[in-house]
Amino acid sequence: MQLRRLLATSAVAVATVTSLAACGDEETTQGRDEGTYVTAGDLQYQVQISRQLNPTDFEDRDYLTGLPSGAALGVNQEYFAVFLRVWNRTKIDHETASRFEISDTTGKTYQPIAIDTNINRTAYHAVVIHGGDQIPVPGSLARENLTQGGLVLFKVENSTYASRPLVLHITSPEGKSATVDLDV
């Protein structure tokens, strides 16, 4: 009797470990929350954090350097930041996504604000990642600050927060896409 229990318990343990191990290897294109790895094309993207930015806050002001002249906030608008990491888990060089969009449940969409990456060293920009590498690279300001990701900045209507969840859409250079539900 004890041998049967031991065998049954062992079988359940092996099945559990095997299924959990497979979870990390699965490629998904839809992240239900931040921190989930999603695959768009040949690369994996992870939202480190997303949040509203306050232009009068000391930390947030640094994220808002290098904005174009037309990026000032209008009435009932605010800045919304998504901080990303990108991994190339292949052995081949691949270009990162340059097309992002946020949508809400009403279908309203928002495009990123172009940031001068010569001035703002935390801003995300499309690059070619060598096989096995990631961005932001270890040691860079974007990687070593509190957010630990490259900044993709949006200007959104205040009312959009009432139409959650907000969804980040990532489109690879090859046209393959992934989405992540943002924690707002």
N, C-alpha and C. Protein backbone atom coordinates (compact mmCIF):
# COMPACT_ATOMS: atom_id res chain seq x y z
N MET A 1 0.81 -1.20 0.00
CA MET A 1 0.00 0.00 0.00
C MET A 1 0.86 1.27 0.00
N GLN A 2 1.93 1.27 0.86
CA GLN A 2 2.80 2.44 0.90
C GLN A 2 3.56 2.63 -0.41
N LEU A 3 3.90 1.53 -1.06
CA LEU A 3 4.60 1.61 -2.34
C LEU A 3 3.70 2.27 -3.39
N ARG A 4 2.42 1.93 -3.41
CA ARG A 4 1.48 2.54 -4.36
C ARG A 4 1.37 4.04 -4.14
N ARG A 5 1.26 4.44 -2.87
CA ARG A 5 1.17 5.87 -2.55
C ARG A 5 2.45 6.59 -2.98
N LEU A 6 3.57 5.96 -2.71
CA LEU A 6 4.85 6.55 -3.10
C LEU A 6 4.93 6.70 -4.62
N LEU A 7 4.54 5.68 -5.36
CA LEU A 7 4.55 5.74 -6.83
C LEU A 7 3.57 6.80 -7.34
N ALA A 8 2.37 6.85 -6.76
CA ALA A 8 1.38 7.84 -7.18
C ALA A 8 1.86 9.25 -6.89
N THR A 9 2.42 9.45 -5.70
CA THR A 9 2.95 10.76 -5.33
C THR A 9 4.10 11.16 -6.26
N SER A 10 4.96 10.21 -6.54
CA SER A 10 6.09 10.49 -7.44
C SER A 10 5.61 10.84 -8.84
N ALA A 11 4.59 10.14 -9.33
CA ALA A 11 4.05 10.42 -10.66
C ALA A 11 3.46 11.82 -10.72
N VAL A 12 2.72 12.21 -9.69
CA VAL A 12 2.15 13.55 -9.64
C VAL A 12 3.26 14.60 -9.58
N ALA A 13 4.27 14.36 -8.79
CA ALA A 13 5.39 15.30 -8.68
C ALA A 13 6.11 15.47 -10.01
N VAL A 14 6.37 14.37 -10.71
CA VAL A 14 7.04 14.43 -12.01
C VAL A 14 6.17 15.17 -13.02
N ALA A 15 4.88 14.90 -13.04
CA ALA A 15 3.96 15.58 -13.97
C ALA A 15 3.92 17.07 -13.68
N THR A 16 3.89 17.45 -12.41
CA THR A 16 3.85 18.87 -12.04
C THR A 16 5.13 19.58 -12.46
N VAL A 17 6.28 18.99 -12.15
CA VAL A 17 7.56 19.60 -12.51
C VAL A 17 7.69 19.72 -14.02
N THR A 18 7.29 18.69 -14.74
CA THR A 18 7.38 18.71 -16.21
C THR A 18 6.50 19.81 -16.78
N SER A 19 5.26 19.94 -16.28
CA SER A 19 4.37 20.96 -16.83
C SER A 19 4.85 22.35 -16.46
N LEU A 20 5.39 22.55 -15.25
CA LEU A 20 5.91 23.85 -14.88
C LEU A 20 7.15 24.21 -15.68
N ALA A 21 7.99 23.25 -15.94
CA ALA A 21 9.19 23.52 -16.74
C ALA A 21 8.82 23.93 -18.15
N ALA A 22 7.77 23.34 -18.69
CA ALA A 22 7.34 23.68 -20.05
C ALA A 22 6.81 25.09 -20.13
N CYS A 23 6.26 25.61 -19.02
CA CYS A 23 5.69 26.97 -19.03
C CYS A 23 6.74 28.01 -19.42
N GLY A 24 7.95 27.87 -18.95
CA GLY A 24 8.99 28.85 -19.25
C GLY A 24 9.46 28.78 -20.68
N ASP A 25 9.25 27.65 -21.36
CA ASP A 25 9.69 27.49 -22.73
C ASP A 25 8.63 27.90 -23.75
N GLU A 26 7.40 28.04 -23.31
CA GLU A 26 6.32 28.39 -24.23
C GLU A 26 6.51 29.80 -24.75
N GLU A 27 6.19 29.98 -26.01
CA GLU A 27 6.19 31.32 -26.58
C GLU A 27 4.76 31.79 -26.65
N THR A 28 4.52 32.97 -26.13
CA THR A 28 3.18 33.53 -26.15
C THR A 28 3.22 34.89 -26.81
N THR A 29 2.13 35.24 -27.45
CA THR A 29 2.02 36.55 -28.07
C THR A 29 1.04 37.44 -27.30
N GLN A 30 0.50 36.91 -26.20
CA GLN A 30 -0.48 37.68 -25.42
C GLN A 30 -0.14 37.60 -23.94
N GLY A 31 0.26 38.74 -23.37
CA GLY A 31 0.58 38.80 -21.96
C GLY A 31 -0.58 39.38 -21.18
N ARG A 32 -1.04 38.64 -20.20
CA ARG A 32 -2.18 39.09 -19.38
C ARG A 32 -1.76 40.09 -18.31
N ASP A 33 -0.45 40.27 -18.12
CA ASP A 33 0.03 41.25 -17.16
C ASP A 33 1.48 41.59 -17.47
N GLU A 34 1.93 42.66 -16.84
CA GLU A 34 3.31 43.07 -17.01
C GLU A 34 4.22 42.02 -16.41
N GLY A 35 5.41 41.89 -16.95
CA GLY A 35 6.35 40.89 -16.49
C GLY A 35 6.31 39.63 -17.33
N THR A 36 5.23 39.44 -18.08
CA THR A 36 5.10 38.27 -18.95
C THR A 36 5.97 38.49 -20.19
N TYR A 37 6.69 37.46 -20.60
CA TYR A 37 7.46 37.52 -21.84
C TYR A 37 6.50 37.25 -23.00
N VAL A 38 6.48 38.15 -23.97
CA VAL A 38 5.69 37.93 -25.18
C VAL A 38 6.62 37.92 -26.38
N THR A 39 6.26 37.15 -27.37
CA THR A 39 7.09 37.01 -28.56
C THR A 39 6.44 37.73 -29.73
N ALA A 40 7.19 38.64 -30.33
CA ALA A 40 6.77 39.32 -31.56
C ALA A 40 7.91 39.11 -32.55
N GLY A 41 7.65 38.31 -33.56
CA GLY A 41 8.72 37.95 -34.49
C GLY A 41 9.68 37.00 -33.81
N ASP A 42 10.96 37.30 -33.90
CA ASP A 42 11.99 36.42 -33.34
C ASP A 42 12.49 36.87 -31.97
N LEU A 43 11.88 37.92 -31.42
CA LEU A 43 12.37 38.47 -30.15
C LEU A 43 11.31 38.39 -29.06
N GLN A 44 11.77 38.40 -27.82
CA GLN A 44 10.87 38.40 -26.68
C GLN A 44 10.90 39.76 -26.01
N TYR A 45 9.72 40.26 -25.68
CA TYR A 45 9.55 41.58 -25.07
C TYR A 45 8.95 41.39 -23.68
N GLN A 46 9.38 42.24 -22.75
CA GLN A 46 8.83 42.19 -21.40
C GLN A 46 8.61 43.61 -20.92
N VAL A 47 7.38 43.91 -20.50
CA VAL A 47 7.10 45.20 -19.88
C VAL A 47 7.57 45.11 -18.44
N GLN A 48 8.55 45.93 -18.09
CA GLN A 48 9.04 45.97 -16.72
C GLN A 48 8.03 46.65 -15.81
N ILE A 49 7.51 47.78 -16.28
CA ILE A 49 6.53 48.55 -15.53
C ILE A 49 5.90 49.55 -16.50
N SER A 50 4.67 49.94 -16.21
CA SER A 50 4.04 51.05 -16.93
C SER A 50 3.42 51.95 -15.87
N ARG A 51 3.44 53.26 -16.16
CA ARG A 51 2.87 54.18 -15.17
C ARG A 51 2.70 55.56 -15.76
N GLN A 52 1.88 56.35 -15.09
CA GLN A 52 1.71 57.75 -15.45
C GLN A 52 2.97 58.50 -15.03
N LEU A 53 3.33 59.52 -15.80
CA LEU A 53 4.47 60.36 -15.45
C LEU A 53 3.97 61.74 -15.07
N ASN A 54 4.58 62.31 -14.06
CA ASN A 54 4.23 63.64 -13.58
C ASN A 54 5.37 64.59 -13.95
N PRO A 55 5.12 65.54 -14.86
CA PRO A 55 6.19 66.45 -15.30
C PRO A 55 6.79 67.30 -14.18
N THR A 56 6.09 67.47 -13.05
CA THR A 56 6.63 68.27 -11.95
C THR A 56 7.39 67.43 -10.93
N ASP A 57 7.38 66.10 -11.10
CA ASP A 57 8.10 65.22 -10.19
C ASP A 57 9.57 65.16 -10.60
N PHE A 58 10.46 65.20 -9.62
CA PHE A 58 11.90 65.23 -9.87
C PHE A 58 12.35 64.06 -10.75
N GLU A 59 11.98 62.82 -10.39
CA GLU A 59 12.40 61.65 -11.16
C GLU A 59 11.80 61.66 -12.56
N ASP A 60 10.52 61.96 -12.64
CA ASP A 60 9.82 61.89 -13.92
C ASP A 60 10.31 62.94 -14.91
N ARG A 61 10.77 64.09 -14.44
CA ARG A 61 11.29 65.12 -15.35
C ARG A 61 12.42 64.59 -16.22
N ASP A 62 13.26 63.74 -15.65
CA ASP A 62 14.37 63.18 -16.43
C ASP A 62 13.87 62.30 -17.57
N TYR A 63 12.77 61.59 -17.36
CA TYR A 63 12.20 60.75 -18.42
C TYR A 63 11.62 61.60 -19.54
N LEU A 64 11.30 62.86 -19.24
CA LEU A 64 10.62 63.71 -20.21
C LEU A 64 11.57 64.65 -20.93
N THR A 65 12.87 64.37 -20.91
CA THR A 65 13.82 65.18 -21.68
C THR A 65 13.86 64.66 -23.12
N GLY A 66 14.16 65.55 -24.04
CA GLY A 66 14.30 65.17 -25.44
C GLY A 66 12.98 65.05 -26.19
N LEU A 67 11.91 65.65 -25.64
CA LEU A 67 10.61 65.60 -26.33
C LEU A 67 10.56 66.63 -27.46
N PRO A 68 9.84 66.31 -28.53
CA PRO A 68 9.68 67.29 -29.61
C PRO A 68 8.78 68.43 -29.14
N SER A 69 8.82 69.54 -29.86
CA SER A 69 8.07 70.73 -29.44
C SER A 69 6.56 70.48 -29.38
N GLY A 70 6.01 69.61 -30.18
CA GLY A 70 4.57 69.36 -30.19
C GLY A 70 4.11 68.36 -29.15
N ALA A 71 4.97 67.98 -28.23
CA ALA A 71 4.61 66.93 -27.27
C ALA A 71 4.06 67.47 -25.95
N ALA A 72 3.87 68.80 -25.87
CA ALA A 72 3.33 69.37 -24.63
C ALA A 72 1.93 68.81 -24.38
N LEU A 73 1.59 68.66 -23.12
CA LEU A 73 0.28 68.13 -22.76
C LEU A 73 -0.82 69.15 -23.03
N GLY A 74 -1.94 68.65 -23.55
CA GLY A 74 -3.12 69.46 -23.72
C GLY A 74 -4.00 69.33 -22.48
N VAL A 75 -5.15 69.97 -22.52
CA VAL A 75 -6.11 69.88 -21.43
C VAL A 75 -6.57 68.42 -21.31
N ASN A 76 -6.64 67.92 -20.10
CA ASN A 76 -7.08 66.55 -19.83
C ASN A 76 -6.20 65.48 -20.46
N GLN A 77 -4.91 65.75 -20.58
CA GLN A 77 -3.96 64.77 -21.08
C GLN A 77 -2.85 64.55 -20.06
N GLU A 78 -2.22 63.39 -20.14
CA GLU A 78 -1.04 63.14 -19.32
C GLU A 78 -0.12 62.17 -20.04
N TYR A 79 1.11 62.13 -19.56
CA TYR A 79 2.10 61.23 -20.12
C TYR A 79 1.96 59.85 -19.49
N PHE A 80 2.08 58.83 -20.30
CA PHE A 80 2.01 57.45 -19.82
C PHE A 80 3.24 56.73 -20.37
N ALA A 81 4.01 56.12 -19.47
CA ALA A 81 5.28 55.49 -19.83
C ALA A 81 5.19 53.98 -19.75
N VAL A 82 5.79 53.32 -20.73
CA VAL A 82 5.96 51.87 -20.72
C VAL A 82 7.46 51.62 -20.80
N PHE A 83 7.98 50.83 -19.87
CA PHE A 83 9.41 50.53 -19.83
C PHE A 83 9.61 49.08 -20.24
N LEU A 84 10.36 48.87 -21.33
CA LEU A 84 10.51 47.56 -21.96
C LEU A 84 11.93 47.01 -21.89
N ARG A 85 12.01 45.69 -21.85
CA ARG A 85 13.24 44.96 -22.13
C ARG A 85 12.97 44.07 -23.32
N VAL A 86 14.03 43.81 -24.10
CA VAL A 86 13.90 42.94 -25.27
C VAL A 86 15.06 41.95 -25.26
N TRP A 87 14.72 40.67 -25.49
CA TRP A 87 15.72 39.61 -25.52
C TRP A 87 15.76 38.97 -26.90
N ASN A 88 16.96 38.68 -27.35
CA ASN A 88 17.16 37.88 -28.55
C ASN A 88 17.71 36.54 -28.08
N ARG A 89 16.86 35.55 -27.99
CA ARG A 89 17.28 34.24 -27.48
C ARG A 89 17.75 33.32 -28.61
N THR A 90 17.88 33.88 -29.81
CA THR A 90 18.39 33.10 -30.93
C THR A 90 19.89 33.34 -31.07
N LYS A 91 20.49 32.72 -32.07
CA LYS A 91 21.91 32.93 -32.33
C LYS A 91 22.13 33.89 -33.50
N ILE A 92 21.04 34.44 -34.02
CA ILE A 92 21.07 35.31 -35.20
C ILE A 92 20.71 36.73 -34.78
N ASP A 93 21.30 37.74 -35.41
CA ASP A 93 20.95 39.13 -35.14
C ASP A 93 19.54 39.41 -35.65
N HIS A 94 18.77 40.21 -34.86
CA HIS A 94 17.42 40.60 -35.25
C HIS A 94 17.18 42.05 -34.87
N GLU A 95 16.37 42.74 -35.69
CA GLU A 95 15.99 44.11 -35.40
C GLU A 95 14.80 44.12 -34.46
N THR A 96 14.81 45.06 -33.50
CA THR A 96 13.71 45.18 -32.54
C THR A 96 12.54 45.94 -33.16
N ALA A 97 11.41 45.84 -32.52
CA ALA A 97 10.19 46.52 -32.97
C ALA A 97 10.35 48.03 -32.88
N SER A 98 9.73 48.71 -33.83
CA SER A 98 9.67 50.18 -33.78
C SER A 98 8.22 50.65 -33.79
N ARG A 99 7.28 49.70 -33.88
CA ARG A 99 5.86 50.06 -33.93
C ARG A 99 5.16 49.59 -32.65
N PHE A 100 4.64 50.57 -31.91
CA PHE A 100 3.92 50.32 -30.68
C PHE A 100 2.62 51.12 -30.71
N GLU A 101 1.66 50.66 -29.94
CA GLU A 101 0.38 51.35 -29.84
C GLU A 101 -0.27 50.92 -28.52
N ILE A 102 -0.98 51.83 -27.90
CA ILE A 102 -1.81 51.49 -26.74
C ILE A 102 -3.26 51.65 -27.16
N SER A 103 -4.09 50.69 -26.74
CA SER A 103 -5.53 50.80 -26.99
C SER A 103 -6.27 50.61 -25.67
N ASP A 104 -7.49 51.18 -25.61
CA ASP A 104 -8.34 50.97 -24.45
C ASP A 104 -9.56 50.15 -24.88
N THR A 105 -10.47 49.89 -23.95
CA THR A 105 -11.62 49.02 -24.26
C THR A 105 -12.63 49.68 -25.19
N THR A 106 -12.55 50.99 -25.40
CA THR A 106 -13.46 51.65 -26.34
C THR A 106 -12.93 51.62 -27.76
N GLY A 107 -11.69 51.16 -27.93
CA GLY A 107 -11.08 51.12 -29.26
C GLY A 107 -10.21 52.33 -29.55
N LYS A 108 -10.14 53.27 -28.63
CA LYS A 108 -9.28 54.44 -28.83
C LYS A 108 -7.82 53.99 -28.77
N THR A 109 -7.00 54.54 -29.65
CA THR A 109 -5.59 54.14 -29.71
C THR A 109 -4.67 55.36 -29.54
N TYR A 110 -3.46 55.06 -29.06
CA TYR A 110 -2.45 56.10 -28.83
C TYR A 110 -1.13 55.62 -29.41
N GLN A 111 -0.44 56.54 -30.05
CA GLN A 111 0.87 56.26 -30.65
C GLN A 111 1.96 56.85 -29.76
N PRO A 112 3.16 56.27 -29.78
CA PRO A 112 4.25 56.81 -28.95
C PRO A 112 4.72 58.18 -29.44
N ILE A 113 5.29 58.90 -28.51
CA ILE A 113 5.91 60.19 -28.80
C ILE A 113 7.37 59.90 -29.16
N ALA A 114 7.84 60.49 -30.25
CA ALA A 114 9.26 60.33 -30.63
C ALA A 114 10.11 61.12 -29.65
N ILE A 115 11.11 60.47 -29.09
CA ILE A 115 12.01 61.09 -28.12
C ILE A 115 13.41 61.12 -28.73
N ASP A 116 14.09 62.24 -28.57
CA ASP A 116 15.47 62.36 -29.05
C ASP A 116 16.37 61.51 -28.16
N THR A 117 16.85 60.39 -28.70
CA THR A 117 17.67 59.46 -27.91
C THR A 117 19.09 59.97 -27.67
N ASN A 118 19.46 61.06 -28.34
CA ASN A 118 20.76 61.68 -28.05
C ASN A 118 20.69 62.48 -26.75
N ILE A 119 19.48 62.89 -26.38
CA ILE A 119 19.28 63.67 -25.15
C ILE A 119 18.76 62.78 -24.03
N ASN A 120 17.83 61.91 -24.33
CA ASN A 120 17.21 61.05 -23.32
C ASN A 120 17.80 59.65 -23.43
N ARG A 121 18.66 59.30 -22.52
CA ARG A 121 19.36 58.01 -22.58
C ARG A 121 18.54 56.85 -22.03
N THR A 122 17.33 57.12 -21.54
CA THR A 122 16.46 56.03 -21.09
C THR A 122 15.45 55.64 -22.16
N ALA A 123 15.36 56.43 -23.23
CA ALA A 123 14.36 56.19 -24.27
C ALA A 123 14.69 54.92 -25.07
N TYR A 124 13.65 54.15 -25.33
CA TYR A 124 13.75 52.97 -26.18
C TYR A 124 13.90 53.44 -27.63
N HIS A 125 14.69 52.74 -28.40
CA HIS A 125 14.73 52.95 -29.84
C HIS A 125 15.09 51.62 -30.50
N ALA A 126 14.57 51.44 -31.70
CA ALA A 126 14.80 50.19 -32.42
C ALA A 126 16.27 50.05 -32.77
N VAL A 127 16.81 48.87 -32.53
CA VAL A 127 18.20 48.55 -32.84
C VAL A 127 18.27 47.10 -33.30
N VAL A 128 19.43 46.72 -33.78
CA VAL A 128 19.68 45.31 -34.08
C VAL A 128 20.31 44.70 -32.83
N ILE A 129 19.70 43.61 -32.35
CA ILE A 129 20.24 42.91 -31.17
C ILE A 129 20.96 41.67 -31.67
N HIS A 130 22.20 41.50 -31.22
CA HIS A 130 22.97 40.32 -31.58
C HIS A 130 22.39 39.09 -30.89
N GLY A 131 22.61 37.94 -31.46
CA GLY A 131 22.14 36.69 -30.88
C GLY A 131 22.59 36.55 -29.44
N GLY A 132 21.65 36.22 -28.56
CA GLY A 132 21.94 36.03 -27.14
C GLY A 132 21.99 37.30 -26.32
N ASP A 133 21.84 38.48 -26.94
CA ASP A 133 21.91 39.75 -26.21
C ASP A 133 20.52 40.26 -25.85
N GLN A 134 20.50 41.39 -25.13
CA GLN A 134 19.26 42.03 -24.73
C GLN A 134 19.46 43.53 -24.68
N ILE A 135 18.34 44.25 -24.70
CA ILE A 135 18.36 45.70 -24.45
C ILE A 135 17.31 46.02 -23.41
N PRO A 136 17.51 47.06 -22.63
CA PRO A 136 18.73 47.83 -22.54
C PRO A 136 19.89 46.96 -22.04
N VAL A 137 21.07 47.33 -22.47
CA VAL A 137 22.24 46.53 -22.11
C VAL A 137 22.61 46.76 -20.65
N PRO A 138 23.11 45.73 -19.99
CA PRO A 138 23.56 45.90 -18.60
C PRO A 138 24.58 47.02 -18.51
N GLY A 139 24.45 47.85 -17.49
CA GLY A 139 25.35 48.98 -17.29
C GLY A 139 24.83 50.27 -17.87
N SER A 140 23.81 50.22 -18.75
CA SER A 140 23.26 51.44 -19.33
C SER A 140 22.32 52.12 -18.34
N LEU A 141 22.10 53.42 -18.53
CA LEU A 141 21.20 54.16 -17.65
C LEU A 141 19.79 53.57 -17.68
N ALA A 142 19.31 53.20 -18.86
CA ALA A 142 17.96 52.64 -18.97
C ALA A 142 17.85 51.33 -18.20
N ARG A 143 18.90 50.56 -18.14
CA ARG A 143 18.86 49.26 -17.46
C ARG A 143 19.08 49.41 -15.96
N GLU A 144 19.88 50.37 -15.54
CA GLU A 144 20.27 50.47 -14.14
C GLU A 144 19.40 51.41 -13.32
N ASN A 145 18.45 52.14 -13.96
CA ASN A 145 17.58 53.00 -13.16
C ASN A 145 16.48 52.15 -12.53
N LEU A 146 15.57 52.77 -11.81
CA LEU A 146 14.55 52.03 -11.07
C LEU A 146 13.62 51.22 -11.96
N THR A 147 13.39 51.65 -13.18
CA THR A 147 12.45 50.97 -14.06
C THR A 147 13.07 49.78 -14.79
N GLN A 148 14.36 49.80 -14.98
CA GLN A 148 15.13 48.73 -15.62
C GLN A 148 14.64 48.38 -17.02
N GLY A 149 14.18 49.40 -17.76
CA GLY A 149 13.73 49.17 -19.13
C GLY A 149 13.84 50.44 -19.94
N GLY A 150 13.73 50.27 -21.26
CA GLY A 150 13.75 51.41 -22.17
C GLY A 150 12.37 52.06 -22.22
N LEU A 151 12.33 53.38 -22.20
CA LEU A 151 11.10 54.16 -22.14
C LEU A 151 10.43 54.29 -23.51
N VAL A 152 9.16 53.86 -23.58
CA VAL A 152 8.28 54.16 -24.71
C VAL A 152 7.21 55.06 -24.12
N LEU A 153 7.13 56.30 -24.61
CA LEU A 153 6.28 57.33 -24.01
C LEU A 153 5.05 57.62 -24.87
N PHE A 154 3.91 57.73 -24.19
CA PHE A 154 2.64 58.05 -24.84
C PHE A 154 2.02 59.27 -24.18
N LYS A 155 1.18 59.97 -24.93
CA LYS A 155 0.35 61.04 -24.39
C LYS A 155 -1.09 60.54 -24.50
N VAL A 156 -1.77 60.39 -23.34
CA VAL A 156 -3.11 59.81 -23.33
C VAL A 156 -4.11 60.77 -22.71
N GLU A 157 -5.37 60.57 -23.03
CA GLU A 157 -6.46 61.33 -22.40
C GLU A 157 -6.67 60.80 -20.98
N ASN A 158 -6.94 61.69 -20.04
CA ASN A 158 -7.22 61.26 -18.67
C ASN A 158 -8.36 60.25 -18.62
N SER A 159 -9.33 60.40 -19.47
CA SER A 159 -10.52 59.54 -19.46
C SER A 159 -10.21 58.10 -19.88
N THR A 160 -9.08 57.87 -20.50
CA THR A 160 -8.76 56.52 -20.98
C THR A 160 -8.59 55.53 -19.83
N TYR A 161 -8.24 56.03 -18.63
CA TYR A 161 -8.07 55.14 -17.49
C TYR A 161 -9.39 54.53 -17.03
N ALA A 162 -10.49 55.14 -17.41
CA ALA A 162 -11.81 54.58 -17.10
C ALA A 162 -12.16 53.45 -18.06
N SER A 163 -11.37 53.27 -19.11
CA SER A 163 -11.63 52.25 -20.13
C SER A 163 -10.52 51.21 -20.13
N ARG A 164 -10.19 50.72 -18.94
CA ARG A 164 -9.15 49.71 -18.79
C ARG A 164 -9.70 48.32 -19.04
N PRO A 165 -8.85 47.36 -19.37
CA PRO A 165 -7.40 47.47 -19.35
C PRO A 165 -6.87 48.18 -20.60
N LEU A 166 -5.76 48.85 -20.41
CA LEU A 166 -5.02 49.38 -21.54
C LEU A 166 -4.15 48.25 -22.05
N VAL A 167 -4.01 48.17 -23.37
CA VAL A 167 -3.26 47.08 -23.98
C VAL A 167 -2.15 47.67 -24.84
N LEU A 168 -0.92 47.20 -24.60
CA LEU A 168 0.22 47.59 -25.43
C LEU A 168 0.30 46.62 -26.60
N HIS A 169 0.36 47.15 -27.81
CA HIS A 169 0.52 46.34 -29.03
C HIS A 169 1.94 46.54 -29.53
N ILE A 170 2.64 45.45 -29.74
CA ILE A 170 4.02 45.46 -30.23
C ILE A 170 4.02 44.79 -31.60
N THR A 171 4.55 45.46 -32.61
CA THR A 171 4.62 44.88 -33.96
C THR A 171 6.07 44.80 -34.39
N SER A 172 6.51 43.58 -34.72
CA SER A 172 7.89 43.36 -35.14
C SER A 172 8.11 43.91 -36.55
N PRO A 173 9.37 44.08 -36.96
CA PRO A 173 9.66 44.54 -38.32
C PRO A 173 9.07 43.61 -39.39
N GLU A 174 8.88 42.33 -39.04
CA GLU A 174 8.31 41.36 -39.99
C GLU A 174 6.78 41.40 -40.00
N GLY A 175 6.18 42.25 -39.15
CA GLY A 175 4.73 42.38 -39.11
C GLY A 175 4.05 41.44 -38.13
N LYS A 176 4.81 40.71 -37.32
CA LYS A 176 4.22 39.82 -36.32
C LYS A 176 3.99 40.64 -35.06
N SER A 177 2.87 40.34 -34.36
CA SER A 177 2.52 41.20 -33.22
C SER A 177 2.33 40.41 -31.94
N ALA A 178 2.38 41.17 -30.86
CA ALA A 178 2.14 40.64 -29.51
C ALA A 178 1.45 41.75 -28.72
N THR A 179 0.74 41.36 -27.66
CA THR A 179 0.06 42.34 -26.81
C THR A 179 0.36 42.06 -25.35
N VAL A 180 0.29 43.12 -24.54
CA VAL A 180 0.45 43.00 -23.10
C VAL A 180 -0.60 43.88 -22.43
N ASP A 181 -1.38 43.30 -21.51
CA ASP A 181 -2.29 44.09 -20.69
C ASP A 181 -1.47 44.86 -19.69
N LEU A 182 -1.68 46.18 -19.62
CA LEU A 182 -0.87 47.04 -18.75
C LEU A 182 -1.54 47.21 -17.40
N ASP A 183 -0.74 47.19 -16.35
CA ASP A 183 -1.23 47.38 -14.99
C ASP A 183 -1.34 48.88 -14.72
N VAL A 184 -2.53 49.39 -14.79
CA VAL A 184 -2.74 50.82 -14.54
C VAL A 184 -3.60 50.96 -13.31
